[in-house]
């Protein structure tokens, strides 16, 4: 989960929101001055545009990391044939027998 810093247009306080939420049409209230910020790609406000740009970049990086993780070969445990048949009993199992 990645977060993006947002600067309030009224009080200039910086706060965070998830990059996944910060998409066109999203609105968020500033935790300091409680003004409602509307996020749109074509916003005239430079702070909103910058936050949207950072969120887009963070989502892209997260997708690429997920694709790399999915395409990477899964690590397999390499046990010898002799090892696969051996089972270690715990001390509780030894007492019952």
C-alpha atoms as a PDB file:
ATOM      1  CA  UNK A   1       0.000   0.000   0.000  1.00  0.00           C
ATOM      2  CA  UNK A   2       1.469   3.327  -1.017  1.00  0.00           C
ATOM      3  CA  UNK A   3       0.556   6.752   0.232  1.00  0.00           C
ATOM      4  CA  UNK A   4       0.709  10.156  -1.441  1.00  0.00           C
ATOM      5  CA  UNK A   5       1.284  13.476   0.285  1.00  0.00           C
ATOM      6  CA  UNK A   6      -1.307  16.152  -0.378  1.00  0.00           C
ATOM      7  CA  UNK A   7      -1.013  19.829   0.412  1.00  0.00           C
ATOM      8  CA  UNK A   8      -4.224  21.579   1.430  1.00  0.00           C
ATOM      9  CA  UNK A   9      -5.185  24.436  -0.859  1.00  0.00           C
ATOM     10  CA  UNK A  10      -6.407  26.621   2.016  1.00  0.00           C
ATOM     11  CA  UNK A  11      -4.191  26.065   5.067  1.00  0.00           C
ATOM     12  CA  UNK A  12      -1.152  24.558   3.250  1.00  0.00           C
ATOM     13  CA  UNK A  13      -1.010  21.625   5.694  1.00  0.00           C
ATOM     14  CA  UNK A  14       0.457  18.428   4.245  1.00  0.00           C
ATOM     15  CA  UNK A  15      -1.374  15.141   4.882  1.00  0.00           C
ATOM     16  CA  UNK A  16      -1.428  11.658   3.370  1.00  0.00           C
ATOM     17  CA  UNK A  17      -3.958   9.569   1.485  1.00  0.00           C
ATOM     18  CA  UNK A  18      -3.749   6.214  -0.265  1.00  0.00           C
ATOM     19  CA  UNK A  19      -2.673   6.335  -3.886  1.00  0.00           C
ATOM     20  CA  UNK A  20      -5.412   3.849  -4.803  1.00  0.00           C
ATOM     21  CA  UNK A  21      -8.112   6.210  -3.550  1.00  0.00           C
ATOM     22  CA  UNK A  22      -6.692   9.332  -5.165  1.00  0.00           C
ATOM     23  CA  UNK A  23      -8.346   9.100  -8.561  1.00  0.00           C
ATOM     24  CA  UNK A  24     -10.487  11.361 -10.698  1.00  0.00           C
ATOM     25  CA  UNK A  25     -13.676  12.259  -8.799  1.00  0.00           C
ATOM     26  CA  UNK A  26     -12.322  11.528  -5.315  1.00  0.00           C
ATOM     27  CA  UNK A  27     -12.888  14.078  -2.557  1.00  0.00           C
ATOM     28  CA  UNK A  28     -11.121  14.340   0.782  1.00  0.00           C
ATOM     29  CA  UNK A  29     -11.494  16.627   3.748  1.00  0.00           C
ATOM     30  CA  UNK A  30      -8.388  18.325   5.121  1.00  0.00           C
ATOM     31  CA  UNK A  31      -7.789  17.029   8.662  1.00  0.00           C
ATOM     32  CA  UNK A  32      -6.645  20.477   9.811  1.00  0.00           C
ATOM     33  CA  UNK A  33      -9.020  23.087   8.399  1.00  0.00           C
ATOM     34  CA  UNK A  34     -11.785  20.697   7.218  1.00  0.00           C
ATOM     35  CA  UNK A  35     -12.060  22.166   3.721  1.00  0.00           C
ATOM     36  CA  UNK A  36     -13.168  19.573   1.153  1.00  0.00           C
ATOM     37  CA  UNK A  37     -10.655  18.964  -1.636  1.00  0.00           C
ATOM     38  CA  UNK A  38     -11.924  17.580  -4.932  1.00  0.00           C
ATOM     39  CA  UNK A  39      -9.445  15.639  -7.041  1.00  0.00           C
ATOM     40  CA  UNK A  40      -9.780  15.852 -10.807  1.00  0.00           C
ATOM     41  CA  UNK A  41      -7.266  15.417 -13.611  1.00  0.00           C
ATOM     42  CA  UNK A  42      -8.173  18.805 -15.103  1.00  0.00           C
ATOM     43  CA  UNK A  43      -8.064  20.748 -11.828  1.00  0.00           C
ATOM     44  CA  UNK A  44      -6.661  24.297 -12.082  1.00  0.00           C
ATOM     45  CA  UNK A  45      -5.019  23.889  -8.661  1.00  0.00           C
ATOM     46  CA  UNK A  46      -1.308  22.940  -8.906  1.00  0.00           C
ATOM     47  CA  UNK A  47      -1.291  21.091  -5.537  1.00  0.00           C
ATOM     48  CA  UNK A  48      -4.141  18.847  -6.686  1.00  0.00           C
ATOM     49  CA  UNK A  49      -2.464  18.213 -10.040  1.00  0.00           C
ATOM     50  CA  UNK A  50       0.815  17.309  -8.322  1.00  0.00           C
ATOM     51  CA  UNK A  51      -0.930  14.919  -5.907  1.00  0.00           C
ATOM     52  CA  UNK A  52      -2.784  13.247  -8.789  1.00  0.00           C
ATOM     53  CA  UNK A  53       0.488  12.861 -10.701  1.00  0.00           C
ATOM     54  CA  UNK A  54       2.231  11.284  -7.684  1.00  0.00           C
ATOM     55  CA  UNK A  55      -0.712   8.936  -7.122  1.00  0.00           C
ATOM     56  CA  UNK A  56      -0.672   7.824 -10.765  1.00  0.00           C
ATOM     57  CA  UNK A  57       3.060   7.134 -10.539  1.00  0.00           C
ATOM     58  CA  UNK A  58       2.677   5.214  -7.249  1.00  0.00           C
ATOM     59  CA  UNK A  59      -0.135   3.055  -8.681  1.00  0.00           C
ATOM     60  CA  UNK A  60       1.968   2.300 -11.762  1.00  0.00           C
ATOM     61  CA  UNK A  61       4.972   1.280  -9.650  1.00  0.00           C
ATOM     62  CA  UNK A  62       2.740  -0.884  -7.467  1.00  0.00           C
ATOM     63  CA  UNK A  63       1.272  -2.649 -10.534  1.00  0.00           C
ATOM     64  CA  UNK A  64       4.753  -3.241 -11.968  1.00  0.00           C
ATOM     65  CA  UNK A  65       5.997  -4.673  -8.667  1.00  0.00           C
ATOM     66  CA  UNK A  66       2.962  -6.968  -8.485  1.00  0.00           C
ATOM     67  CA  UNK A  67       3.525  -8.175 -12.064  1.00  0.00           C
ATOM     68  CA  UNK A  68       7.212  -8.810 -11.336  1.00  0.00           C
ATOM     69  CA  UNK A  69       6.292 -10.749  -8.211  1.00  0.00           C
ATOM     70  CA  UNK A  70       3.747 -12.860 -10.103  1.00  0.00           C
ATOM     71  CA  UNK A  71       6.110 -13.588 -13.000  1.00  0.00           C
ATOM     72  CA  UNK A  72       9.033 -14.543 -10.741  1.00  0.00           C
ATOM     73  CA  UNK A  73       9.465 -18.299 -10.287  1.00  0.00           C
ATOM     74  CA  UNK A  74       8.125 -19.613  -7.012  1.00  0.00           C
ATOM     75  CA  UNK A  75      10.828 -20.941  -4.676  1.00  0.00           C
ATOM     76  CA  UNK A  76      10.528 -24.677  -4.172  1.00  0.00           C
ATOM     77  CA  UNK A  77      11.863 -26.655  -1.272  1.00  0.00           C
ATOM     78  CA  UNK A  78      14.444 -29.126  -2.533  1.00  0.00           C
ATOM     79  CA  UNK A  79      14.303 -32.154  -0.295  1.00  0.00           C
ATOM     80  CA  UNK A  80      16.111 -35.349  -1.030  1.00  0.00           C
ATOM     81  CA  UNK A  81      14.157 -38.588  -1.386  1.00  0.00           C
ATOM     82  CA  UNK A  82      15.459 -39.800   1.945  1.00  0.00           C
ATOM     83  CA  UNK A  83      14.153 -36.687   3.674  1.00  0.00           C
ATOM     84  CA  UNK A  84      10.601 -36.865   2.321  1.00  0.00           C
ATOM     85  CA  UNK A  85       9.801 -40.087   4.156  1.00  0.00           C
ATOM     86  CA  UNK A  86      11.089 -38.943   7.520  1.00  0.00           C
ATOM     87  CA  UNK A  87       8.696 -37.420   9.986  1.00  0.00           C
ATOM     88  CA  UNK A  88       9.847 -36.070  13.299  1.00  0.00           C
ATOM     89  CA  UNK A  89       7.504 -36.682  16.191  1.00  0.00           C
ATOM     90  CA  UNK A  90       7.101 -34.049  18.844  1.00  0.00           C
ATOM     91  CA  UNK A  91       7.710 -34.881  22.495  1.00  0.00           C
ATOM     92  CA  UNK A  92       3.921 -34.994  23.121  1.00  0.00           C
ATOM     93  CA  UNK A  93       3.502 -37.693  20.466  1.00  0.00           C
ATOM     94  CA  UNK A  94       6.331 -39.745  22.039  1.00  0.00           C
ATOM     95  CA  UNK A  95       4.600 -39.695  25.431  1.00  0.00           C
ATOM     96  CA  UNK A  96       1.282 -40.969  24.032  1.00  0.00           C
ATOM     97  CA  UNK A  97       2.865 -43.953  22.278  1.00  0.00           C
END
